Amino acid sequence: MKSLVCCALLALTALALGADAPPSDAAAKDKAALQGTWQSVKEEMRGGAAPGDARDHKMVFAGDTFRFSKGEETLIRGTFKLDPTKSPKVMEMVITEGAGAEPEVPAHGIYELNGDGLKWCAAEQGTDAKPDKFDTKGTTNVTVELKRVVETK
């Protein structure tokens, strides 16, 4: 009986430790691939082109943080977590600065990495909406297509 209790406790301990395990290899790989500066090339919202010139915007990923800007002006800033095991891949973001920032309230999104290309689609922060495709028709989602900025020295 003691050995059964010990085995059960060991199993529960292993499960509890697994809950705090580091991110999966796929998440770590995608997170590493996102690091750096990305230039917006196309933006869409509510089924049509977003106002303004998409090329004015950049997204910078550094560690667990992101910053979406227009020139030197920060439009939104926050943190992100990835789940590449979902289809499409999921990017949960918490906007801590900028338009609509509600600390600790997630903005549900999806992403697709393709070499030096990134597609990102996110629902409005604080809603239960979760995009399942890169389409904004009939939603308040925003979709942005970006290209990696190659740093020159």
N, C-alpha and C. Protein backbone atom coordinates (compact mmCIF):
# COMPACT_ATOMS: atom_id res chain seq x y z
N MET A 1 0.83 -1.20 0.00
CA MET A 1 0.00 0.00 0.00
C MET A 1 0.87 1.25 0.00
N LYS A 2 1.96 1.25 0.82
CA LYS A 2 2.84 2.42 0.86
C LYS A 2 3.45 2.68 -0.51
N SER A 3 3.83 1.62 -1.22
CA SER A 3 4.44 1.82 -2.54
C SER A 3 3.44 2.39 -3.54
N LEU A 4 2.16 2.00 -3.42
CA LEU A 4 1.12 2.53 -4.28
C LEU A 4 0.93 4.03 -4.03
N VAL A 5 0.92 4.43 -2.77
CA VAL A 5 0.78 5.85 -2.41
C VAL A 5 1.99 6.62 -2.91
N CYS A 6 3.19 6.07 -2.74
CA CYS A 6 4.41 6.74 -3.20
C CYS A 6 4.39 6.92 -4.71
N CYS A 7 3.96 5.88 -5.44
CA CYS A 7 3.88 5.97 -6.91
C CYS A 7 2.87 7.04 -7.32
N ALA A 8 1.73 7.08 -6.63
CA ALA A 8 0.72 8.08 -6.95
C ALA A 8 1.24 9.49 -6.70
N LEU A 9 1.95 9.68 -5.57
CA LEU A 9 2.52 10.99 -5.27
C LEU A 9 3.58 11.39 -6.28
N LEU A 10 4.41 10.43 -6.69
CA LEU A 10 5.42 10.72 -7.71
C LEU A 10 4.77 11.11 -9.03
N ALA A 11 3.70 10.41 -9.40
CA ALA A 11 3.00 10.71 -10.65
C ALA A 11 2.38 12.11 -10.59
N LEU A 12 1.76 12.45 -9.46
CA LEU A 12 1.17 13.79 -9.31
C LEU A 12 2.23 14.87 -9.34
N THR A 13 3.37 14.60 -8.71
CA THR A 13 4.48 15.56 -8.71
C THR A 13 4.98 15.77 -10.13
N ALA A 14 5.13 14.69 -10.88
CA ALA A 14 5.59 14.80 -12.26
C ALA A 14 4.61 15.61 -13.10
N LEU A 15 3.31 15.39 -12.91
CA LEU A 15 2.31 16.16 -13.64
C LEU A 15 2.37 17.64 -13.26
N ALA A 16 2.52 17.92 -11.98
CA ALA A 16 2.59 19.30 -11.53
C ALA A 16 3.82 19.99 -12.09
N LEU A 17 4.95 19.29 -12.09
CA LEU A 17 6.17 19.88 -12.63
C LEU A 17 6.05 20.10 -14.13
N GLY A 18 5.36 19.21 -14.82
CA GLY A 18 5.15 19.34 -16.25
C GLY A 18 4.35 20.57 -16.60
N ALA A 19 3.48 21.01 -15.71
CA ALA A 19 2.66 22.19 -15.97
C ALA A 19 3.52 23.44 -16.08
N ASP A 20 4.67 23.44 -15.39
CA ASP A 20 5.56 24.59 -15.44
C ASP A 20 6.77 24.34 -16.33
N ALA A 21 6.66 23.33 -17.20
CA ALA A 21 7.78 22.99 -18.08
C ALA A 21 8.05 24.14 -19.04
N PRO A 22 9.29 24.21 -19.53
CA PRO A 22 9.60 25.25 -20.49
C PRO A 22 8.77 25.07 -21.76
N PRO A 23 8.66 26.13 -22.58
CA PRO A 23 7.86 26.03 -23.79
C PRO A 23 8.37 24.91 -24.69
N SER A 24 7.49 24.39 -25.51
CA SER A 24 7.86 23.30 -26.40
C SER A 24 8.97 23.74 -27.35
N ASP A 25 9.63 22.75 -27.94
CA ASP A 25 10.68 23.06 -28.90
C ASP A 25 10.12 23.87 -30.06
N ALA A 26 8.90 23.53 -30.51
CA ALA A 26 8.29 24.26 -31.62
C ALA A 26 8.03 25.71 -31.24
N ALA A 27 7.55 25.95 -30.02
CA ALA A 27 7.30 27.32 -29.56
C ALA A 27 8.62 28.09 -29.46
N ALA A 28 9.64 27.44 -28.92
CA ALA A 28 10.95 28.10 -28.79
C ALA A 28 11.53 28.41 -30.17
N LYS A 29 11.35 27.50 -31.11
CA LYS A 29 11.85 27.71 -32.48
C LYS A 29 11.13 28.89 -33.14
N ASP A 30 9.79 28.92 -33.03
CA ASP A 30 9.04 30.03 -33.62
C ASP A 30 9.35 31.35 -32.93
N LYS A 31 9.49 31.31 -31.60
CA LYS A 31 9.82 32.54 -30.87
C LYS A 31 11.17 33.09 -31.34
N ALA A 32 12.14 32.21 -31.52
CA ALA A 32 13.46 32.64 -32.00
C ALA A 32 13.36 33.20 -33.42
N ALA A 33 12.52 32.59 -34.26
CA ALA A 33 12.36 33.05 -35.63
C ALA A 33 11.67 34.41 -35.71
N LEU A 34 10.85 34.74 -34.71
CA LEU A 34 10.15 36.03 -34.70
C LEU A 34 11.03 37.20 -34.28
N GLN A 35 12.09 36.92 -33.55
CA GLN A 35 12.91 37.99 -32.97
C GLN A 35 13.44 38.92 -34.06
N GLY A 36 13.35 40.22 -33.79
CA GLY A 36 13.86 41.21 -34.71
C GLY A 36 12.76 42.13 -35.21
N THR A 37 13.07 42.84 -36.29
CA THR A 37 12.19 43.86 -36.83
C THR A 37 11.51 43.35 -38.09
N TRP A 38 10.21 43.62 -38.19
CA TRP A 38 9.39 43.23 -39.33
C TRP A 38 8.70 44.46 -39.90
N GLN A 39 8.75 44.62 -41.22
CA GLN A 39 8.13 45.74 -41.93
C GLN A 39 6.76 45.31 -42.43
N SER A 40 5.75 46.09 -42.11
CA SER A 40 4.41 45.81 -42.60
C SER A 40 4.34 46.07 -44.10
N VAL A 41 3.69 45.17 -44.83
CA VAL A 41 3.54 45.36 -46.27
C VAL A 41 2.06 45.39 -46.69
N LYS A 42 1.20 44.84 -45.84
CA LYS A 42 -0.24 44.84 -46.14
C LYS A 42 -1.01 44.75 -44.84
N GLU A 43 -2.05 45.57 -44.71
CA GLU A 43 -2.88 45.56 -43.50
C GLU A 43 -4.34 45.59 -43.91
N GLU A 44 -5.13 44.80 -43.19
CA GLU A 44 -6.56 44.73 -43.48
C GLU A 44 -7.35 44.77 -42.18
N MET A 45 -8.52 45.41 -42.24
CA MET A 45 -9.43 45.40 -41.11
C MET A 45 -10.86 45.51 -41.63
N ARG A 46 -11.77 44.84 -40.94
CA ARG A 46 -13.20 44.87 -41.31
C ARG A 46 -13.45 44.60 -42.79
N GLY A 47 -12.68 43.68 -43.35
CA GLY A 47 -12.91 43.24 -44.72
C GLY A 47 -12.27 44.08 -45.81
N GLY A 48 -11.53 45.11 -45.44
CA GLY A 48 -10.91 45.95 -46.45
C GLY A 48 -9.54 46.44 -46.00
N ALA A 49 -8.89 47.17 -46.89
CA ALA A 49 -7.57 47.71 -46.57
C ALA A 49 -7.66 48.65 -45.37
N ALA A 50 -6.68 48.56 -44.49
CA ALA A 50 -6.62 49.47 -43.35
C ALA A 50 -6.23 50.86 -43.85
N PRO A 51 -6.67 51.91 -43.13
CA PRO A 51 -6.33 53.27 -43.58
C PRO A 51 -4.82 53.53 -43.49
N GLY A 52 -4.35 54.41 -44.33
CA GLY A 52 -2.94 54.79 -44.30
C GLY A 52 -2.08 53.83 -45.10
N ASP A 53 -0.79 54.07 -45.06
CA ASP A 53 0.19 53.27 -45.79
C ASP A 53 0.77 52.22 -44.84
N ALA A 54 0.53 50.97 -45.14
CA ALA A 54 1.01 49.86 -44.29
C ALA A 54 2.52 49.94 -44.10
N ARG A 55 3.23 50.42 -45.10
CA ARG A 55 4.70 50.45 -45.02
C ARG A 55 5.23 51.40 -43.96
N ASP A 56 4.35 52.22 -43.38
CA ASP A 56 4.76 53.12 -42.29
C ASP A 56 4.90 52.37 -40.96
N HIS A 57 4.44 51.13 -40.89
CA HIS A 57 4.39 50.39 -39.63
C HIS A 57 5.46 49.30 -39.55
N LYS A 58 5.95 49.11 -38.34
CA LYS A 58 6.91 48.04 -38.06
C LYS A 58 6.49 47.31 -36.79
N MET A 59 6.84 46.03 -36.74
CA MET A 59 6.62 45.20 -35.55
C MET A 59 7.99 44.70 -35.13
N VAL A 60 8.31 44.88 -33.86
CA VAL A 60 9.59 44.42 -33.32
C VAL A 60 9.30 43.42 -32.21
N PHE A 61 9.90 42.23 -32.33
CA PHE A 61 9.81 41.22 -31.29
C PHE A 61 11.16 41.14 -30.59
N ALA A 62 11.15 41.22 -29.26
CA ALA A 62 12.37 41.13 -28.46
C ALA A 62 12.05 40.31 -27.22
N GLY A 63 12.59 39.11 -27.15
CA GLY A 63 12.25 38.22 -26.03
C GLY A 63 10.78 37.88 -26.07
N ASP A 64 10.06 38.14 -24.98
CA ASP A 64 8.62 37.87 -24.89
C ASP A 64 7.79 39.12 -25.17
N THR A 65 8.42 40.18 -25.69
CA THR A 65 7.70 41.43 -25.90
C THR A 65 7.57 41.74 -27.39
N PHE A 66 6.59 42.60 -27.69
CA PHE A 66 6.43 43.09 -29.05
C PHE A 66 6.14 44.59 -28.98
N ARG A 67 6.43 45.26 -30.09
CA ARG A 67 6.14 46.69 -30.22
C ARG A 67 5.72 46.91 -31.67
N PHE A 68 4.53 47.47 -31.87
CA PHE A 68 4.03 47.83 -33.19
C PHE A 68 4.07 49.34 -33.25
N SER A 69 4.78 49.88 -34.26
CA SER A 69 5.02 51.32 -34.28
C SER A 69 4.81 51.93 -35.66
N LYS A 70 4.66 53.25 -35.64
CA LYS A 70 4.65 54.07 -36.84
C LYS A 70 5.77 55.08 -36.64
N GLY A 71 6.85 54.89 -37.35
CA GLY A 71 8.04 55.71 -37.11
C GLY A 71 8.53 55.47 -35.69
N GLU A 72 8.71 56.53 -34.94
CA GLU A 72 9.16 56.42 -33.55
C GLU A 72 7.99 56.28 -32.57
N GLU A 73 6.76 56.46 -33.06
CA GLU A 73 5.58 56.41 -32.20
C GLU A 73 5.14 54.96 -31.95
N THR A 74 5.02 54.59 -30.69
CA THR A 74 4.52 53.26 -30.34
C THR A 74 3.01 53.27 -30.44
N LEU A 75 2.47 52.41 -31.30
CA LEU A 75 1.02 52.28 -31.43
C LEU A 75 0.50 51.30 -30.38
N ILE A 76 1.15 50.15 -30.28
CA ILE A 76 0.85 49.20 -29.20
C ILE A 76 2.14 48.49 -28.79
N ARG A 77 2.18 48.10 -27.54
CA ARG A 77 3.32 47.36 -26.98
C ARG A 77 2.77 46.37 -25.97
N GLY A 78 3.45 45.24 -25.81
CA GLY A 78 3.01 44.27 -24.83
C GLY A 78 3.84 43.00 -24.85
N THR A 79 3.23 41.95 -24.38
CA THR A 79 3.90 40.65 -24.32
C THR A 79 3.12 39.65 -25.17
N PHE A 80 3.78 38.55 -25.51
CA PHE A 80 3.12 37.52 -26.32
C PHE A 80 3.56 36.13 -25.90
N LYS A 81 2.68 35.17 -26.19
CA LYS A 81 2.97 33.74 -25.99
C LYS A 81 2.50 33.01 -27.23
N LEU A 82 3.23 31.98 -27.61
CA LEU A 82 2.93 31.23 -28.81
C LEU A 82 2.46 29.81 -28.49
N ASP A 83 1.57 29.30 -29.31
CA ASP A 83 1.19 27.90 -29.27
C ASP A 83 1.15 27.38 -30.71
N PRO A 84 2.31 26.89 -31.20
CA PRO A 84 2.38 26.41 -32.57
C PRO A 84 1.77 25.02 -32.76
N THR A 85 1.25 24.42 -31.68
CA THR A 85 0.64 23.10 -31.81
C THR A 85 -0.78 23.20 -32.34
N LYS A 86 -1.35 24.39 -32.31
CA LYS A 86 -2.71 24.60 -32.83
C LYS A 86 -2.65 24.85 -34.34
N SER A 87 -3.78 24.70 -34.99
CA SER A 87 -3.87 24.99 -36.41
C SER A 87 -5.08 25.88 -36.66
N PRO A 88 -4.88 27.15 -37.03
CA PRO A 88 -3.60 27.81 -37.24
C PRO A 88 -2.88 28.06 -35.90
N LYS A 89 -1.59 28.38 -36.02
CA LYS A 89 -0.78 28.64 -34.83
C LYS A 89 -1.34 29.84 -34.07
N VAL A 90 -1.27 29.78 -32.73
CA VAL A 90 -1.89 30.80 -31.87
C VAL A 90 -0.83 31.72 -31.26
N MET A 91 -1.14 33.02 -31.27
CA MET A 91 -0.32 34.03 -30.60
C MET A 91 -1.24 34.81 -29.67
N GLU A 92 -1.09 34.60 -28.37
CA GLU A 92 -1.84 35.35 -27.37
C GLU A 92 -1.02 36.56 -26.99
N MET A 93 -1.63 37.73 -27.04
CA MET A 93 -0.92 38.97 -26.74
C MET A 93 -1.63 39.72 -25.62
N VAL A 94 -0.85 40.37 -24.80
CA VAL A 94 -1.39 41.28 -23.80
C VAL A 94 -0.81 42.65 -24.10
N ILE A 95 -1.68 43.58 -24.45
CA ILE A 95 -1.25 44.93 -24.79
C ILE A 95 -1.14 45.74 -23.51
N THR A 96 0.06 46.24 -23.24
CA THR A 96 0.29 46.98 -22.00
C THR A 96 0.41 48.48 -22.23
N GLU A 97 0.53 48.87 -23.50
CA GLU A 97 0.67 50.30 -23.82
C GLU A 97 0.06 50.55 -25.20
N GLY A 98 -0.61 51.66 -25.33
CA GLY A 98 -1.15 52.02 -26.64
C GLY A 98 -2.66 51.91 -26.69
N ALA A 99 -3.18 52.04 -27.89
CA ALA A 99 -4.63 52.06 -28.12
C ALA A 99 -5.32 50.86 -27.50
N GLY A 100 -6.29 51.13 -26.65
CA GLY A 100 -7.09 50.07 -26.05
C GLY A 100 -6.38 49.22 -25.02
N ALA A 101 -5.22 49.64 -24.55
CA ALA A 101 -4.45 48.82 -23.62
C ALA A 101 -5.21 48.56 -22.33
N GLU A 102 -5.43 47.29 -22.05
CA GLU A 102 -6.03 46.86 -20.80
C GLU A 102 -5.10 45.81 -20.20
N PRO A 103 -4.22 46.21 -19.30
CA PRO A 103 -3.25 45.25 -18.75
C PRO A 103 -3.92 43.96 -18.28
N GLU A 104 -3.25 42.87 -18.59
CA GLU A 104 -3.67 41.51 -18.21
C GLU A 104 -4.86 41.01 -19.02
N VAL A 105 -5.34 41.76 -20.01
CA VAL A 105 -6.45 41.32 -20.85
C VAL A 105 -5.87 40.88 -22.19
N PRO A 106 -6.07 39.62 -22.59
CA PRO A 106 -5.45 39.14 -23.83
C PRO A 106 -6.16 39.61 -25.10
N ALA A 107 -5.38 39.65 -26.15
CA ALA A 107 -5.89 39.80 -27.51
C ALA A 107 -5.55 38.48 -28.19
N HIS A 108 -6.57 37.74 -28.59
CA HIS A 108 -6.36 36.43 -29.19
C HIS A 108 -5.96 36.60 -30.65
N GLY A 109 -4.96 35.86 -31.07
CA GLY A 109 -4.51 35.98 -32.44
C GLY A 109 -3.95 34.69 -32.99
N ILE A 110 -3.64 34.74 -34.27
CA ILE A 110 -3.00 33.62 -34.96
C ILE A 110 -1.83 34.17 -35.76
N TYR A 111 -0.92 33.27 -36.15
CA TYR A 111 0.22 33.69 -36.94
C TYR A 111 0.66 32.57 -37.87
N GLU A 112 1.39 32.99 -38.89
CA GLU A 112 1.97 32.05 -39.84
C GLU A 112 3.34 32.57 -40.24
N LEU A 113 4.37 31.77 -39.98
CA LEU A 113 5.73 32.13 -40.35
C LEU A 113 6.10 31.38 -41.63
N ASN A 114 6.68 32.11 -42.59
CA ASN A 114 7.09 31.49 -43.84
C ASN A 114 8.41 32.14 -44.25
N GLY A 115 9.52 31.61 -43.75
CA GLY A 115 10.82 32.20 -44.03
C GLY A 115 10.90 33.61 -43.49
N ASP A 116 11.08 34.59 -44.38
CA ASP A 116 11.16 35.99 -43.96
C ASP A 116 9.81 36.69 -44.05
N GLY A 117 8.73 35.90 -44.10
CA GLY A 117 7.38 36.46 -44.12
C GLY A 117 6.61 36.06 -42.88
N LEU A 118 5.78 36.96 -42.40
CA LEU A 118 4.95 36.71 -41.22
C LEU A 118 3.55 37.24 -41.49
N LYS A 119 2.55 36.41 -41.23
CA LYS A 119 1.16 36.85 -41.26
C LYS A 119 0.67 36.81 -39.83
N TRP A 120 -0.04 37.85 -39.42
CA TRP A 120 -0.54 37.96 -38.06
C TRP A 120 -1.97 38.47 -38.13
N CYS A 121 -2.85 37.84 -37.39
CA CYS A 121 -4.24 38.26 -37.33
C CYS A 121 -4.65 38.24 -35.87
N ALA A 122 -5.28 39.32 -35.41
CA ALA A 122 -5.68 39.40 -34.01
C ALA A 122 -7.08 39.98 -33.88
N ALA A 123 -7.78 39.47 -32.87
CA ALA A 123 -9.10 40.01 -32.53
C ALA A 123 -8.90 41.21 -31.62
N GLU A 124 -9.95 41.96 -31.44
CA GLU A 124 -9.91 43.11 -30.56
C GLU A 124 -9.63 42.66 -29.12
N GLN A 125 -8.73 43.36 -28.45
CA GLN A 125 -8.37 43.03 -27.08
C GLN A 125 -9.61 43.06 -26.19
N GLY A 126 -9.70 42.06 -25.31
CA GLY A 126 -10.78 42.02 -24.34
C GLY A 126 -12.03 41.31 -24.83
N THR A 127 -12.04 40.87 -26.09
CA THR A 127 -13.19 40.11 -26.58
C THR A 127 -12.87 38.62 -26.51
N ASP A 128 -13.89 37.82 -26.56
CA ASP A 128 -13.69 36.37 -26.58
C ASP A 128 -13.40 35.86 -27.99
N ALA A 129 -13.48 36.75 -28.98
CA ALA A 129 -13.25 36.35 -30.37
C ALA A 129 -11.84 35.79 -30.53
N LYS A 130 -11.76 34.70 -31.29
CA LYS A 130 -10.48 34.07 -31.58
C LYS A 130 -10.45 33.79 -33.08
N PRO A 131 -9.59 34.49 -33.82
CA PRO A 131 -9.53 34.26 -35.26
C PRO A 131 -9.17 32.80 -35.55
N ASP A 132 -9.78 32.25 -36.59
CA ASP A 132 -9.42 30.90 -37.00
C ASP A 132 -8.92 30.87 -38.44
N LYS A 133 -8.90 32.07 -39.07
CA LYS A 133 -8.33 32.21 -40.41
C LYS A 133 -7.90 33.67 -40.59
N PHE A 134 -7.11 33.90 -41.62
CA PHE A 134 -6.58 35.23 -41.88
C PHE A 134 -7.57 36.00 -42.76
N ASP A 135 -8.68 36.37 -42.14
CA ASP A 135 -9.76 37.06 -42.84
C ASP A 135 -10.40 38.02 -41.85
N THR A 136 -10.76 39.20 -42.33
CA THR A 136 -11.34 40.19 -41.42
C THR A 136 -12.80 40.49 -41.75
N LYS A 137 -13.33 39.89 -42.78
CA LYS A 137 -14.72 40.17 -43.17
C LYS A 137 -15.67 39.81 -42.04
N GLY A 138 -16.56 40.76 -41.69
CA GLY A 138 -17.56 40.51 -40.65
C GLY A 138 -17.01 40.44 -39.24
N THR A 139 -15.79 40.92 -39.02
CA THR A 139 -15.16 40.86 -37.69
C THR A 139 -14.53 42.22 -37.36
N THR A 140 -14.02 42.34 -36.16
CA THR A 140 -13.20 43.50 -35.79
C THR A 140 -11.72 43.12 -35.80
N ASN A 141 -11.40 41.97 -36.41
CA ASN A 141 -10.01 41.51 -36.49
C ASN A 141 -9.18 42.44 -37.36
N VAL A 142 -7.88 42.40 -37.14
CA VAL A 142 -6.93 43.06 -38.01
C VAL A 142 -5.95 41.99 -38.48
N THR A 143 -5.61 42.03 -39.77
CA THR A 143 -4.62 41.12 -40.33
C THR A 143 -3.49 41.95 -40.91
N VAL A 144 -2.27 41.56 -40.59
CA VAL A 144 -1.08 42.28 -41.06
C VAL A 144 -0.13 41.27 -41.68
N GLU A 145 0.37 41.60 -42.85
CA GLU A 145 1.42 40.80 -43.49
C GLU A 145 2.71 41.60 -43.38
N LEU A 146 3.78 40.92 -42.93
CA LEU A 146 5.05 41.60 -42.69
C LEU A 146 6.20 40.84 -43.34
N LYS A 147 7.27 41.57 -43.62
CA LYS A 147 8.52 41.00 -44.14
C LYS A 147 9.63 41.37 -43.17
N ARG A 148 10.54 40.41 -42.95
CA ARG A 148 11.66 40.66 -42.04
C ARG A 148 12.56 41.78 -42.59
N VAL A 149 12.95 42.67 -41.69
CA VAL A 149 13.91 43.72 -42.04
C VAL A 149 15.31 43.16 -41.84
N VAL A 150 16.09 43.17 -42.88
CA VAL A 150 17.45 42.68 -42.79
C VAL A 150 18.34 43.81 -42.30
N GLU A 151 18.95 43.58 -41.15
CA GLU A 151 19.82 44.60 -40.54
C GLU A 151 21.11 44.71 -41.34
N THR A 152 21.48 45.93 -41.73
CA THR A 152 22.74 46.17 -42.44
C THR A 152 23.70 46.88 -41.52
N LYS A 153 24.96 46.55 -41.68
CA LYS A 153 25.96 47.17 -40.81
C LYS A 153 26.92 47.99 -41.61
